[in-house]
PDB file of N, CA and C in Angstrom:
ATOM      1  N   MET A   1      32.198 -39.814  20.020  1.00  0.00           N
ATOM      2  CA  MET A   1      32.988 -38.610  19.776  1.00  0.00           C
ATOM      3  C   MET A   1      34.310 -38.953  19.077  1.00  0.00           C
ATOM      4  N   LEU A   2      34.979 -39.999  19.527  1.00  0.00           N
ATOM      5  CA  LEU A   2      36.260 -40.345  18.919  1.00  0.00           C
ATOM      6  C   LEU A   2      36.089 -40.848  17.487  1.00  0.00           C
ATOM      7  N   ARG A   3      34.996 -41.554  17.221  1.00  0.00           N
ATOM      8  CA  ARG A   3      34.740 -42.008  15.853  1.00  0.00           C
ATOM      9  C   ARG A   3      34.605 -40.830  14.903  1.00  0.00           C
ATOM     10  N   ARG A   4      34.109 -39.722  15.417  1.00  0.00           N
ATOM     11  CA  ARG A   4      33.996 -38.514  14.594  1.00  0.00           C
ATOM     12  C   ARG A   4      35.377 -38.113  14.069  1.00  0.00           C
ATOM     13  N   TYR A   5      36.402 -38.211  14.915  1.00  0.00           N
ATOM     14  CA  TYR A   5      37.737 -37.807  14.495  1.00  0.00           C
ATOM     15  C   TYR A   5      38.389 -38.825  13.571  1.00  0.00           C
ATOM     16  N   ILE A   6      37.989 -40.083  13.670  1.00  0.00           N
ATOM     17  CA  ILE A   6      38.446 -41.063  12.689  1.00  0.00           C
ATOM     18  C   ILE A   6      37.851 -40.717  11.330  1.00  0.00           C
ATOM     19  N   ARG A   7      36.578 -40.346  11.312  1.00  0.00           N
ATOM     20  CA  ARG A   7      35.928 -39.937  10.050  1.00  0.00           C
ATOM     21  C   ARG A   7      36.555 -38.647   9.521  1.00  0.00           C
ATOM     22  N   ILE A   8      36.749 -37.673  10.396  1.00  0.00           N
ATOM     23  CA  ILE A   8      37.358 -36.404   9.975  1.00  0.00           C
ATOM     24  C   ILE A   8      38.764 -36.656   9.428  1.00  0.00           C
ATOM     25  N   GLY A   9      39.534 -37.456  10.147  1.00  0.00           N
ATOM     26  CA  GLY A   9      40.895 -37.759   9.700  1.00  0.00           C
ATOM     27  C   GLY A   9      40.917 -38.476   8.368  1.00  0.00           C
ATOM     28  N   SER A  10      39.991 -39.408   8.178  1.00  0.00           N
ATOM     29  CA  SER A  10      39.927 -40.150   6.919  1.00  0.00           C
ATOM     30  C   SER A  10      39.579 -39.239   5.748  1.00  0.00           C
ATOM     31  N   LEU A  11      38.562 -38.413   5.935  1.00  0.00           N
ATOM     32  CA  LEU A  11      38.186 -37.475   4.866  1.00  0.00           C
ATOM     33  C   LEU A  11      39.268 -36.429   4.639  1.00  0.00           C
ATOM     34  N   SER A  12      39.914 -36.011   5.723  1.00  0.00           N
ATOM     35  CA  SER A  12      40.998 -35.043   5.605  1.00  0.00           C
ATOM     36  C   SER A  12      42.162 -35.643   4.819  1.00  0.00           C
ATOM     37  N   MET A  13      42.454 -36.911   5.055  1.00  0.00           N
ATOM     38  CA  MET A  13      43.535 -37.565   4.315  1.00  0.00           C
ATOM     39  C   MET A  13      43.176 -37.688   2.844  1.00  0.00           C
ATOM     40  N   ALA A  14      41.923 -38.041   2.550  1.00  0.00           N
ATOM     41  CA  ALA A  14      41.481 -38.112   1.153  1.00  0.00           C
ATOM     42  C   ALA A  14      41.632 -36.748   0.479  1.00  0.00           C
ATOM     43  N   ALA A  15      41.248 -35.687   1.195  1.00  0.00           N
ATOM     44  CA  ALA A  15      41.391 -34.332   0.646  1.00  0.00           C
ATOM     45  C   ALA A  15      42.855 -33.979   0.438  1.00  0.00           C
ATOM     46  N   ALA A  16      43.717 -34.367   1.378  1.00  0.00           N
ATOM     47  CA  ALA A  16      45.145 -34.063   1.248  1.00  0.00           C
ATOM     48  C   ALA A  16      45.741 -34.756   0.026  1.00  0.00           C
ATOM     49  N   VAL A  17      45.368 -36.006  -0.201  1.00  0.00           N
ATOM     50  CA  VAL A  17      45.866 -36.723  -1.379  1.00  0.00           C
ATOM     51  C   VAL A  17      45.369 -36.031  -2.652  1.00  0.00           C
ATOM     52  N   ALA A  18      44.097 -35.672  -2.684  1.00  0.00           N
ATOM     53  CA  ALA A  18      43.539 -34.993  -3.861  1.00  0.00           C
ATOM     54  C   ALA A  18      44.226 -33.645  -4.082  1.00  0.00           C
ATOM     55  N   LEU A  19      44.434 -32.894  -3.012  1.00  0.00           N
ATOM     56  CA  LEU A  19      45.083 -31.585  -3.150  1.00  0.00           C
ATOM     57  C   LEU A  19      46.549 -31.737  -3.552  1.00  0.00           C
ATOM     58  N   GLY A  20      47.201 -32.781  -3.064  1.00  0.00           N
ATOM     59  CA  GLY A  20      48.578 -33.042  -3.490  1.00  0.00           C
ATOM     60  C   GLY A  20      48.647 -33.353  -4.975  1.00  0.00           C
ATOM     61  N   ALA A  21      47.729 -34.173  -5.449  1.00  0.00           N
ATOM     62  CA  ALA A  21      47.684 -34.501  -6.877  1.00  0.00           C
ATOM     63  C   ALA A  21      47.341 -33.266  -7.708  1.00  0.00           C
ATOM     64  N   PHE A  22      46.398 -32.463  -7.213  1.00  0.00           N
ATOM     65  CA  PHE A  22      46.029 -31.218  -7.892  1.00  0.00           C
ATOM     66  C   PHE A  22      47.251 -30.311  -8.044  1.00  0.00           C
ATOM     67  N   GLY A  23      48.019 -30.191  -6.976  1.00  0.00           N
ATOM     68  CA  GLY A  23      49.221 -29.360  -7.030  1.00  0.00           C
ATOM     69  C   GLY A  23      50.262 -29.895  -7.998  1.00  0.00           C
ATOM     70  N   ALA A  24      50.458 -31.216  -7.965  1.00  0.00           N
ATOM     71  CA  ALA A  24      51.491 -31.823  -8.796  1.00  0.00           C
ATOM     72  C   ALA A  24      51.128 -31.845 -10.277  1.00  0.00           C
ATOM     73  N   HIS A  25      49.849 -32.010 -10.571  1.00  0.00           N
ATOM     74  CA  HIS A  25      49.469 -32.203 -11.971  1.00  0.00           C
ATOM     75  C   HIS A  25      48.836 -30.988 -12.635  1.00  0.00           C
ATOM     76  N   ILE A  26      48.241 -30.121 -11.851  1.00  0.00           N
ATOM     77  CA  ILE A  26      47.540 -28.983 -12.448  1.00  0.00           C
ATOM     78  C   ILE A  26      48.222 -27.660 -12.113  1.00  0.00           C
ATOM     79  N   LEU A  27      48.535 -27.467 -10.840  1.00  0.00           N
ATOM     80  CA  LEU A  27      49.102 -26.179 -10.431  1.00  0.00           C
ATOM     81  C   LEU A  27      50.565 -26.013 -10.805  1.00  0.00           C
ATOM     82  N   GLU A  28      51.255 -27.105 -11.046  1.00  0.00           N
ATOM     83  CA  GLU A  28      52.687 -27.043 -11.327  1.00  0.00           C
ATOM     84  C   GLU A  28      53.030 -26.040 -12.428  1.00  0.00           C
ATOM     85  N   SER A  29      52.208 -25.969 -13.433  1.00  0.00           N
ATOM     86  CA  SER A  29      52.493 -25.054 -14.544  1.00  0.00           C
ATOM     87  C   SER A  29      51.927 -23.642 -14.307  1.00  0.00           C
ATOM     88  N   HIS A  30      51.190 -23.453 -13.205  1.00  0.00           N
ATOM     89  CA  HIS A  30      50.558 -22.155 -12.943  1.00  0.00           C
ATOM     90  C   HIS A  30      51.170 -21.405 -11.763  1.00  0.00           C
ATOM     91  N   LEU A  31      51.944 -22.091 -10.943  1.00  0.00           N
ATOM     92  CA  LEU A  31      52.522 -21.452  -9.757  1.00  0.00           C
ATOM     93  C   LEU A  31      54.017 -21.273  -9.915  1.00  0.00           C
ATOM     94  N   THR A  32      54.537 -20.267  -9.246  1.00  0.00           N
ATOM     95  CA  THR A  32      55.992 -20.107  -9.199  1.00  0.00           C
ATOM     96  C   THR A  32      56.563 -21.270  -8.382  1.00  0.00           C
ATOM     97  N   PRO A  33      57.840 -21.558  -8.542  1.00  0.00           N
ATOM     98  CA  PRO A  33      58.445 -22.630  -7.726  1.00  0.00           C
ATOM     99  C   PRO A  33      58.281 -22.391  -6.217  1.00  0.00           C
ATOM    100  N   GLU A  34      58.328 -21.126  -5.801  1.00  0.00           N
ATOM    101  CA  GLU A  34      58.155 -20.809  -4.381  1.00  0.00           C
ATOM    102  C   GLU A  34      56.739 -21.125  -3.914  1.00  0.00           C
ATOM    103  N   ARG A  35      55.756 -20.742  -4.719  1.00  0.00           N
ATOM    104  CA  ARG A  35      54.355 -21.014  -4.361  1.00  0.00           C
ATOM    105  C   ARG A  35      54.071 -22.519  -4.405  1.00  0.00           C
ATOM    106  N   LEU A  36      54.679 -23.207  -5.347  1.00  0.00           N
ATOM    107  CA  LEU A  36      54.495 -24.655  -5.416  1.00  0.00           C
ATOM    108  C   LEU A  36      55.088 -25.323  -4.174  1.00  0.00           C
ATOM    109  N   ALA A  37      56.228 -24.828  -3.712  1.00  0.00           N
ATOM    110  CA  ALA A  37      56.824 -25.347  -2.477  1.00  0.00           C
ATOM    111  C   ALA A  37      55.906 -25.067  -1.283  1.00  0.00           C
ATOM    112  N   THR A  38      55.271 -23.913  -1.284  1.00  0.00           N
ATOM    113  CA  THR A  38      54.311 -23.587  -0.224  1.00  0.00           C
ATOM    114  C   THR A  38      53.137 -24.553  -0.263  1.00  0.00           C
ATOM    115  N   TRP A  39      52.633 -24.840  -1.449  1.00  0.00           N
ATOM    116  CA  TRP A  39      51.530 -25.799  -1.610  1.00  0.00           C
ATOM    117  C   TRP A  39      51.950 -27.176  -1.053  1.00  0.00           C
ATOM    118  N   GLU A  40      53.157 -27.592  -1.406  1.00  0.00           N
ATOM    119  CA  GLU A  40      53.653 -28.894  -0.939  1.00  0.00           C
ATOM    120  C   GLU A  40      53.796 -28.925   0.581  1.00  0.00           C
ATOM    121  N   THR A  41      54.195 -27.817   1.184  1.00  0.00           N
ATOM    122  CA  THR A  41      54.259 -27.736   2.644  1.00  0.00           C
ATOM    123  C   THR A  41      52.869 -27.891   3.248  1.00  0.00           C
ATOM    124  N   ALA A  42      51.889 -27.224   2.656  1.00  0.00           N
ATOM    125  CA  ALA A  42      50.510 -27.333   3.133  1.00  0.00           C
ATOM    126  C   ALA A  42      50.031 -28.775   3.060  1.00  0.00           C
ATOM    127  N   VAL A  43      50.315 -29.452   1.959  1.00  0.00           N
ATOM    128  CA  VAL A  43      49.897 -30.849   1.793  1.00  0.00           C
ATOM    129  C   VAL A  43      50.606 -31.736   2.811  1.00  0.00           C
ATOM    130  N   GLN A  44      51.891 -31.509   3.017  1.00  0.00           N
ATOM    131  CA  GLN A  44      52.656 -32.328   3.957  1.00  0.00           C
ATOM    132  C   GLN A  44      52.085 -32.224   5.368  1.00  0.00           C
ATOM    133  N   TYR A  45      51.883 -31.017   5.852  1.00  0.00           N
ATOM    134  CA  TYR A  45      51.317 -30.833   7.197  1.00  0.00           C
ATOM    135  C   TYR A  45      49.885 -31.375   7.267  1.00  0.00           C
ATOM    136  N   HIS A  46      49.137 -31.202   6.202  1.00  0.00           N
ATOM    137  CA  HIS A  46      47.767 -31.702   6.132  1.00  0.00           C
ATOM    138  C   HIS A  46      47.766 -33.232   6.298  1.00  0.00           C
ATOM    139  N   MET A  47      48.626 -33.906   5.547  1.00  0.00           N
ATOM    140  CA  MET A  47      48.687 -35.368   5.612  1.00  0.00           C
ATOM    141  C   MET A  47      49.134 -35.866   6.984  1.00  0.00           C
ATOM    142  N   ILE A  48      50.172 -35.274   7.501  1.00  0.00           N
ATOM    143  CA  ILE A  48      50.692 -35.708   8.802  1.00  0.00           C
ATOM    144  C   ILE A  48      49.612 -35.602   9.868  1.00  0.00           C
ATOM    145  N   HIS A  49      48.899 -34.511   9.868  1.00  0.00           N
ATOM    146  CA  HIS A  49      47.913 -34.297  10.929  1.00  0.00           C
ATOM    147  C   HIS A  49      46.609 -35.054  10.678  1.00  0.00           C
ATOM    148  N   ALA A  50      46.304 -35.389   9.434  1.00  0.00           N
ATOM    149  CA  ALA A  50      45.154 -36.257   9.166  1.00  0.00           C
ATOM    150  C   ALA A  50      45.419 -37.653   9.730  1.00  0.00           C
ATOM    151  N   VAL A  51      46.616 -38.164   9.483  1.00  0.00           N
ATOM    152  CA  VAL A  51      46.989 -39.473  10.032  1.00  0.00           C
ATOM    153  C   VAL A  51      47.015 -39.411  11.560  1.00  0.00           C
ATOM    154  N   ALA A  52      47.522 -38.325  12.103  1.00  0.00           N
ATOM    155  CA  ALA A  52      47.572 -38.171  13.561  1.00  0.00           C
ATOM    156  C   ALA A  52      46.176 -38.217  14.170  1.00  0.00           C
ATOM    157  N   LEU A  53      45.211 -37.553  13.539  1.00  0.00           N
ATOM    158  CA  LEU A  53      43.840 -37.582  14.055  1.00  0.00           C
ATOM    159  C   LEU A  53      43.328 -39.018  14.160  1.00  0.00           C
ATOM    160  N   ILE A  54      43.572 -39.794  13.132  1.00  0.00           N
ATOM    161  CA  ILE A  54      43.102 -41.181  13.119  1.00  0.00           C
ATOM    162  C   ILE A  54      43.788 -41.999  14.208  1.00  0.00           C
ATOM    163  N   ILE A  55      45.100 -41.904  14.283  1.00  0.00           N
ATOM    164  CA  ILE A  55      45.853 -42.701  15.257  1.00  0.00           C
ATOM    165  C   ILE A  55      45.489 -42.318  16.685  1.00  0.00           C
ATOM    166  N   ILE A  56      45.413 -41.028  16.957  1.00  0.00           N
ATOM    167  CA  ILE A  56      45.071 -40.581  18.315  1.00  0.00           C
ATOM    168  C   ILE A  56      43.676 -41.061  18.694  1.00  0.00           C
ATOM    169  N   ALA A  57      42.727 -40.924  17.785  1.00  0.00           N
ATOM    170  CA  ALA A  57      41.358 -41.369  18.079  1.00  0.00           C
ATOM    171  C   ALA A  57      41.302 -42.873  18.308  1.00  0.00           C
ATOM    172  N   LEU A  58      42.078 -43.633  17.542  1.00  0.00           N
ATOM    173  CA  LEU A  58      42.077 -45.087  17.703  1.00  0.00           C
ATOM    174  C   LEU A  58      42.650 -45.532  19.049  1.00  0.00           C
ATOM    175  N   PHE A  59      43.626 -44.799  19.552  1.00  0.00           N
ATOM    176  CA  PHE A  59      44.294 -45.201  20.782  1.00  0.00           C
ATOM    177  C   PHE A  59      43.898 -44.376  21.997  1.00  0.00           C
ATOM    178  N   ALA A  60      42.890 -43.536  21.861  1.00  0.00           N
ATOM    179  CA  ALA A  60      42.482 -42.640  22.950  1.00  0.00           C
ATOM    180  C   ALA A  60      42.065 -43.401  24.200  1.00  0.00           C
ATOM    181  N   ASP A  61      41.525 -44.599  24.042  1.00  0.00           N
ATOM    182  CA  ASP A  61      41.074 -45.362  25.207  1.00  0.00           C
ATOM    183  C   ASP A  61      42.233 -45.803  26.100  1.00  0.00           C
ATOM    184  N   LYS A  62      43.450 -45.701  25.627  1.00  0.00           N
ATOM    185  CA  LYS A  62      44.635 -46.050  26.416  1.00  0.00           C
ATOM    186  C   LYS A  62      45.046 -44.922  27.360  1.00  0.00           C
ATOM    187  N   LEU A  63      44.448 -43.765  27.173  1.00  0.00           N
ATOM    188  CA  LEU A  63      44.809 -42.586  27.972  1.00  0.00           C
ATOM    189  C   LEU A  63      43.695 -42.272  28.956  1.00  0.00           C
ATOM    190  N   GLN A  64      44.066 -41.841  30.146  1.00  0.00           N
ATOM    191  CA  GLN A  64      43.083 -41.548  31.184  1.00  0.00           C
ATOM    192  C   GLN A  64      42.438 -40.181  31.010  1.00  0.00           C
ATOM    193  N   GLU A  65      43.120 -39.286  30.425  1.00  0.00           N
ATOM    194  CA  GLU A  65      42.667 -37.891  30.316  1.00  0.00           C
ATOM    195  C   GLU A  65      41.917 -37.663  29.005  1.00  0.00           C
ATOM    196  N   LEU A  66      40.714 -38.198  28.894  1.00  0.00           N
ATOM    197  CA  LEU A  66      39.964 -38.123  27.643  1.00  0.00           C
ATOM    198  C   LEU A  66      39.667 -36.682  27.229  1.00  0.00           C
ATOM    199  N   LYS A  67      39.400 -35.803  28.192  1.00  0.00           N
ATOM    200  CA  LYS A  67      39.143 -34.397  27.836  1.00  0.00           C
ATOM    201  C   LYS A  67      40.361 -33.777  27.155  1.00  0.00           C
ATOM    202  N   LYS A  68      41.546 -34.112  27.651  1.00  0.00           N
ATOM    203  CA  LYS A  68      42.772 -33.577  27.036  1.00  0.00           C
ATOM    204  C   LYS A  68      42.985 -34.185  25.653  1.00  0.00           C
ATOM    205  N   VAL A  69      42.653 -35.455  25.500  1.00  0.00           N
ATOM    206  CA  VAL A  69      42.752 -36.083  24.180  1.00  0.00           C
ATOM    207  C   VAL A  69      41.823 -35.377  23.201  1.00  0.00           C
ATOM    208  N   LEU A  70      40.600 -35.125  23.636  1.00  0.00           N
ATOM    209  CA  LEU A  70      39.644 -34.430  22.758  1.00  0.00           C
ATOM    210  C   LEU A  70      40.146 -33.043  22.397  1.00  0.00           C
ATOM    211  N   TRP A  71      40.732 -32.336  23.360  1.00  0.00           N
ATOM    212  CA  TRP A  71      41.281 -31.019  23.040  1.00  0.00           C
ATOM    213  C   TRP A  71      42.457 -31.137  22.077  1.00  0.00           C
ATOM    214  N   SER A  72      43.252 -32.176  22.238  1.00  0.00           N
ATOM    215  CA  SER A  72      44.342 -32.414  21.306  1.00  0.00           C
ATOM    216  C   SER A  72      43.797 -32.594  19.890  1.00  0.00           C
ATOM    217  N   LEU A  73      42.776 -33.429  19.757  1.00  0.00           N
ATOM    218  CA  LEU A  73      42.176 -33.664  18.442  1.00  0.00           C
ATOM    219  C   LEU A  73      41.585 -32.382  17.856  1.00  0.00           C
ATOM    220  N   ARG A  74      40.884 -31.630  18.677  1.00  0.00           N
ATOM    221  CA  ARG A  74      40.287 -30.376  18.196  1.00  0.00           C
ATOM    222  C   ARG A  74      41.360 -29.393  17.717  1.00  0.00           C
ATOM    223  N   LEU A  75      42.414 -29.279  18.497  1.00  0.00           N
ATOM    224  CA  LEU A  75      43.478 -28.335  18.143  1.00  0.00           C
ATOM    225  C   LEU A  75      44.237 -28.775  16.891  1.00  0.00           C
ATOM    226  N   LEU A  76      44.477 -30.071  16.759  1.00  0.00           N
ATOM    227  CA  LEU A  76      45.164 -30.558  15.562  1.00  0.00           C
ATOM    228  C   LEU A  76      44.297 -30.358  14.319  1.00  0.00           C
ATOM    229  N   TRP A  77      42.985 -30.567  14.456  1.00  0.00           N
ATOM    230  CA  TRP A  77      42.073 -30.347  13.332  1.00  0.00           C
ATOM    231  C   TRP A  77      42.018 -28.855  12.990  1.00  0.00           C
ATOM    232  N   ALA A  78      41.911 -28.012  14.014  1.00  0.00           N
ATOM    233  CA  ALA A  78      41.900 -26.564  13.776  1.00  0.00           C
ATOM    234  C   ALA A  78      43.210 -26.122  13.134  1.00  0.00           C
ATOM    235  N   GLY A  79      44.314 -26.675  13.609  1.00  0.00           N
ATOM    236  CA  GLY A  79      45.610 -26.344  13.021  1.00  0.00           C
ATOM    237  C   GLY A  79      45.672 -26.702  11.552  1.00  0.00           C
ATOM    238  N   THR A  80      45.121 -27.856  11.203  1.00  0.00           N
ATOM    239  CA  THR A  80      45.096 -28.275   9.801  1.00  0.00           C
ATOM    240  C   THR A  80      44.295 -27.297   8.960  1.00  0.00           C
ATOM    241  N   LEU A  81      43.108 -26.954   9.454  1.00  0.00           N
ATOM    242  CA  LEU A  81      42.254 -26.026   8.701  1.00  0.00           C
ATOM    243  C   LEU A  81      42.917 -24.668   8.532  1.00  0.00           C
ATOM    244  N   ILE A  82      43.504 -24.155   9.616  1.00  0.00           N
ATOM    245  CA  ILE A  82      44.073 -22.802   9.573  1.00  0.00           C
ATOM    246  C   ILE A  82      45.422 -22.790   8.865  1.00  0.00           C
ATOM    247  N   PHE A  83      46.326 -23.700   9.248  1.00  0.00           N
ATOM    248  CA  PHE A  83      47.675 -23.704   8.668  1.00  0.00           C
ATOM    249  C   PHE A  83      47.619 -24.078   7.189  1.00  0.00           C
ATOM    250  N   SER A  84      47.178 -25.298   6.911  1.00  0.00           N
ATOM    251  CA  SER A  84      47.158 -25.742   5.515  1.00  0.00           C
ATOM    252  C   SER A  84      46.141 -24.954   4.692  1.00  0.00           C
ATOM    253  N   GLY A  85      44.975 -24.702   5.280  1.00  0.00           N
ATOM    254  CA  GLY A  85      43.945 -23.954   4.559  1.00  0.00           C
ATOM    255  C   GLY A  85      44.410 -22.581   4.123  1.00  0.00           C
ATOM    256  N   SER A  86      45.080 -21.868   5.024  1.00  0.00           N
ATOM    257  CA  SER A  86      45.550 -20.528   4.655  1.00  0.00           C
ATOM    258  C   SER A  86      46.615 -20.589   3.560  1.00  0.00           C
ATOM    259  N   LEU A  87      47.461 -21.631   3.600  1.00  0.00           N
ATOM    260  CA  LEU A  87      48.477 -21.763   2.557  1.00  0.00           C
ATOM    261  C   LEU A  87      47.858 -22.144   1.216  1.00  0.00           C
ATOM    262  N   TYR A  88      46.854 -23.025   1.244  1.00  0.00           N
ATOM    263  CA  TYR A  88      46.167 -23.366  -0.008  1.00  0.00           C
ATOM    264  C   TYR A  88      45.549 -22.118  -0.627  1.00  0.00           C
ATOM    265  N   ILE A  89      44.839 -21.357   0.180  1.00  0.00           N
ATOM    266  CA  ILE A  89      44.164 -20.156  -0.331  1.00  0.00           C
ATOM    267  C   ILE A  89      45.192 -19.125  -0.796  1.00  0.00           C
ATOM    268  N   LEU A  90      46.282 -18.977  -0.049  1.00  0.00           N
ATOM    269  CA  LEU A  90      47.353 -18.065  -0.442  1.00  0.00           C
ATOM    270  C   LEU A  90      47.872 -18.423  -1.830  1.00  0.00           C
ATOM    271  N   CYS A  91      48.141 -19.705  -2.045  1.00  0.00           N
ATOM    272  CA  CYS A  91      48.679 -20.133  -3.340  1.00  0.00           C
ATOM    273  C   CYS A  91      47.691 -19.911  -4.477  1.00  0.00           C
ATOM    274  N   LEU A  92      46.426 -20.157  -4.214  1.00  0.00           N
ATOM    275  CA  LEU A  92      45.420 -20.024  -5.270  1.00  0.00           C
ATOM    276  C   LEU A  92      45.023 -18.581  -5.541  1.00  0.00           C
ATOM    277  N   SER A  93      45.053 -17.759  -4.487  1.00  0.00           N
ATOM    278  CA  SER A  93      44.564 -16.386  -4.639  1.00  0.00           C
ATOM    279  C   SER A  93      45.678 -15.349  -4.779  1.00  0.00           C
ATOM    280  N   GLY A  94      46.838 -15.668  -4.228  1.00  0.00           N
ATOM    281  CA  GLY A  94      47.929 -14.698  -4.230  1.00  0.00           C
ATOM    282  C   GLY A  94      47.784 -13.618  -3.177  1.00  0.00           C
ATOM    283  N   ILE A  95      46.803 -13.741  -2.300  1.00  0.00           N
ATOM    284  CA  ILE A  95      46.591 -12.750  -1.242  1.00  0.00           C
ATOM    285  C   ILE A  95      47.627 -12.979  -0.149  1.00  0.00           C
ATOM    286  N   GLY A  96      48.647 -12.146  -0.142  1.00  0.00           N
ATOM    287  CA  GLY A  96      49.785 -12.316   0.752  1.00  0.00           C
ATOM    288  C   GLY A  96      49.469 -12.207   2.225  1.00  0.00           C
ATOM    289  N   VAL A  97      48.439 -11.448   2.584  1.00  0.00           N
ATOM    290  CA  VAL A  97      48.103 -11.257   3.995  1.00  0.00           C
ATOM    291  C   VAL A  97      47.705 -12.581   4.654  1.00  0.00           C
ATOM    292  N   LEU A  98      47.307 -13.560   3.860  1.00  0.00           N
ATOM    293  CA  LEU A  98      46.939 -14.859   4.417  1.00  0.00           C
ATOM    294  C   LEU A  98      48.117 -15.539   5.098  1.00  0.00           C
ATOM    295  N   GLY A  99      49.322 -15.165   4.688  1.00  0.00           N
ATOM    296  CA  GLY A  99      50.515 -15.704   5.341  1.00  0.00           C
ATOM    297  C   GLY A  99      50.585 -15.334   6.812  1.00  0.00           C
ATOM    298  N   ALA A 100      49.920 -14.259   7.195  1.00  0.00           N
ATOM    299  CA  ALA A 100      49.903 -13.841   8.596  1.00  0.00           C
ATOM    300  C   ALA A 100      48.997 -14.734   9.449  1.00  0.00           C
ATOM    301  N   ILE A 101      48.067 -15.437   8.811  1.00  0.00           N
ATOM    302  CA  ILE A 101      47.151 -16.325   9.532  1.00  0.00           C
ATOM    303  C   ILE A 101      47.799 -17.680   9.792  1.00  0.00           C
ATOM    304  N   THR A 102      48.673 -18.098   8.911  1.00  0.00           N
ATOM    305  CA  THR A 102      49.283 -19.421   8.977  1.00  0.00           C
ATOM    306  C   THR A 102      49.904 -19.737  10.336  1.00  0.00           C
ATOM    307  N   PRO A 103      50.639 -18.828  10.970  1.00  0.00           N
ATOM    308  CA  PRO A 103      51.223 -19.157  12.268  1.00  0.00           C
ATOM    309  C   PRO A 103      50.193 -19.497  13.355  1.00  0.00           C
ATOM    310  N   ILE A 104      48.977 -18.992  13.222  1.00  0.00           N
ATOM    311  CA  ILE A 104      47.932 -19.351  14.189  1.00  0.00           C
ATOM    312  C   ILE A 104      47.677 -20.854  14.108  1.00  0.00           C
ATOM    313  N   GLY A 105      47.650 -21.376  12.897  1.00  0.00           N
ATOM    314  CA  GLY A 105      47.515 -22.825  12.725  1.00  0.00           C
ATOM    315  C   GLY A 105      48.694 -23.571  13.307  1.00  0.00           C
ATOM    316  N   GLY A 106      49.881 -23.020  13.143  1.00  0.00           N
ATOM    317  CA  GLY A 106      51.078 -23.636  13.726  1.00  0.00           C
ATOM    318  C   GLY A 106      51.009 -23.691  15.249  1.00  0.00           C
ATOM    319  N   VAL A 107      50.507 -22.621  15.853  1.00  0.00           N
ATOM    320  CA  VAL A 107      50.330 -22.601  17.311  1.00  0.00           C
ATOM    321  C   VAL A 107      49.294 -23.646  17.728  1.00  0.00           C
ATOM    322  N   ALA A 108      48.227 -23.790  16.957  1.00  0.00           N
ATOM    323  CA  ALA A 108      47.219 -24.812  17.261  1.00  0.00           C
ATOM    324  C   ALA A 108      47.849 -26.205  17.191  1.00  0.00           C
ATOM    325  N   PHE A 109      48.716 -26.454  16.205  1.00  0.00           N
ATOM    326  CA  PHE A 109      49.417 -27.737  16.132  1.00  0.00           C
ATOM    327  C   PHE A 109      50.237 -27.974  17.408  1.00  0.00           C
ATOM    328  N   ILE A 110      51.014 -26.982  17.778  1.00  0.00           N
ATOM    329  CA  ILE A 110      51.872 -27.113  18.964  1.00  0.00           C
ATOM    330  C   ILE A 110      51.038 -27.393  20.201  1.00  0.00           C
ATOM    331  N   LEU A 111      49.976 -26.638  20.376  1.00  0.00           N
ATOM    332  CA  LEU A 111      49.113 -26.842  21.542  1.00  0.00           C
ATOM    333  C   LEU A 111      48.441 -28.215  21.512  1.00  0.00           C
ATOM    334  N   GLY A 112      48.049 -28.658  20.338  1.00  0.00           N
ATOM    335  CA  GLY A 112      47.451 -29.982  20.206  1.00  0.00           C
ATOM    336  C   GLY A 112      48.401 -31.084  20.618  1.00  0.00           C
ATOM    337  N   TRP A 113      49.650 -30.964  20.207  1.00  0.00           N
ATOM    338  CA  TRP A 113      50.636 -31.978  20.592  1.00  0.00           C
ATOM    339  C   TRP A 113      50.958 -31.893  22.086  1.00  0.00           C
ATOM    340  N   ILE A 114      50.980 -30.697  22.631  1.00  0.00           N
ATOM    341  CA  ILE A 114      51.198 -30.552  24.081  1.00  0.00           C
ATOM    342  C   ILE A 114      50.027 -31.173  24.849  1.00  0.00           C
ATOM    343  N   MET A 115      48.801 -30.967  24.385  1.00  0.00           N
ATOM    344  CA  MET A 115      47.650 -31.571  25.055  1.00  0.00           C
ATOM    345  C   MET A 115      47.737 -33.095  25.012  1.00  0.00           C
ATOM    346  N   LEU A 116      48.202 -33.652  23.915  1.00  0.00           N
ATOM    347  CA  LEU A 116      48.368 -35.105  23.846  1.00  0.00           C
ATOM    348  C   LEU A 116      49.433 -35.562  24.837  1.00  0.00           C
ATOM    349  N   PHE A 117      50.511 -34.810  24.929  1.00  0.00           N
ATOM    350  CA  PHE A 117      51.553 -35.116  25.914  1.00  0.00           C
ATOM    351  C   PHE A 117      50.964 -35.127  27.322  1.00  0.00           C
ATOM    352  N   LEU A 118      50.177 -34.107  27.642  1.00  0.00           N
ATOM    353  CA  LEU A 118      49.580 -34.028  28.980  1.00  0.00           C
ATOM    354  C   LEU A 118      48.604 -35.177  29.228  1.00  0.00           C
ATOM    355  N   ALA A 119      47.876 -35.561  28.203  1.00  0.00           N
ATOM    356  CA  ALA A 119      46.939 -36.682  28.334  1.00  0.00           C
ATOM    357  C   ALA A 119      47.671 -37.999  28.550  1.00  0.00           C
ATOM    358  N   ALA A 120      48.880 -38.096  28.032  1.00  0.00           N
ATOM    359  CA  ALA A 120      49.636 -39.340  28.103  1.00  0.00           C
ATOM    360  C   ALA A 120      50.552 -39.432  29.328  1.00  0.00           C
ATOM    361  N   ARG A 121      50.552 -38.409  30.154  1.00  0.00           N
ATOM    362  CA  ARG A 121      51.443 -38.451  31.329  1.00  0.00           C
ATOM    363  C   ARG A 121      51.163 -39.645  32.227  1.00  0.00           C
ATOM    364  N   SER A 122      49.913 -39.979  32.394  1.00  0.00           N
ATOM    365  CA  SER A 122      49.577 -41.155  33.201  1.00  0.00           C
ATOM    366  C   SER A 122      48.711 -42.076  32.361  1.00  0.00           C
ATOM    367  N   VAL A 123      49.325 -43.128  31.858  1.00  0.00           N
ATOM    368  CA  VAL A 123      48.672 -44.050  30.943  1.00  0.00           C
ATOM    369  C   VAL A 123      48.159 -45.257  31.717  1.00  0.00           C
ATOM    370  N   ARG A 124      46.975 -45.724  31.341  1.00  0.00           N
ATOM    371  CA  ARG A 124      46.410 -46.932  31.936  1.00  0.00           C
ATOM    372  C   ARG A 124      47.287 -48.126  31.568  1.00  0.00           C
ATOM    373  N   SER A 125      47.405 -49.028  32.478  1.00  0.00           N
ATOM    374  CA  SER A 125      48.196 -50.250  32.218  1.00  0.00           C
ATOM    375  C   SER A 125      47.395 -51.272  31.449  1.00  0.00           C
TER     376      SER A 125
END
């Protein structure tokens, strides 16, 4: 199960790098500065949480609460899909209502980090 999140994190990081390059080299001339900043925010959160998935999965055996670790990973992955995904689609489509979905991804990020905190309260020696 944890190897799945290493794979997901790795592919997610590859996608984040590709989307960052796409934004910098192709979208730069097609988006307003505000939309380009939104794209960059999506890439930044995408990258941070892709790396987090990998690191958490690699060190999960150090934590006693594996179910909480798994929930942390699930929530961080869902947050990436919802938060960054909604911003990517917003920038490409211009559909403003997608901005209302983005905070759901932010809540998933927060909950994912809280679950990791709870999993780490009692660490194996």
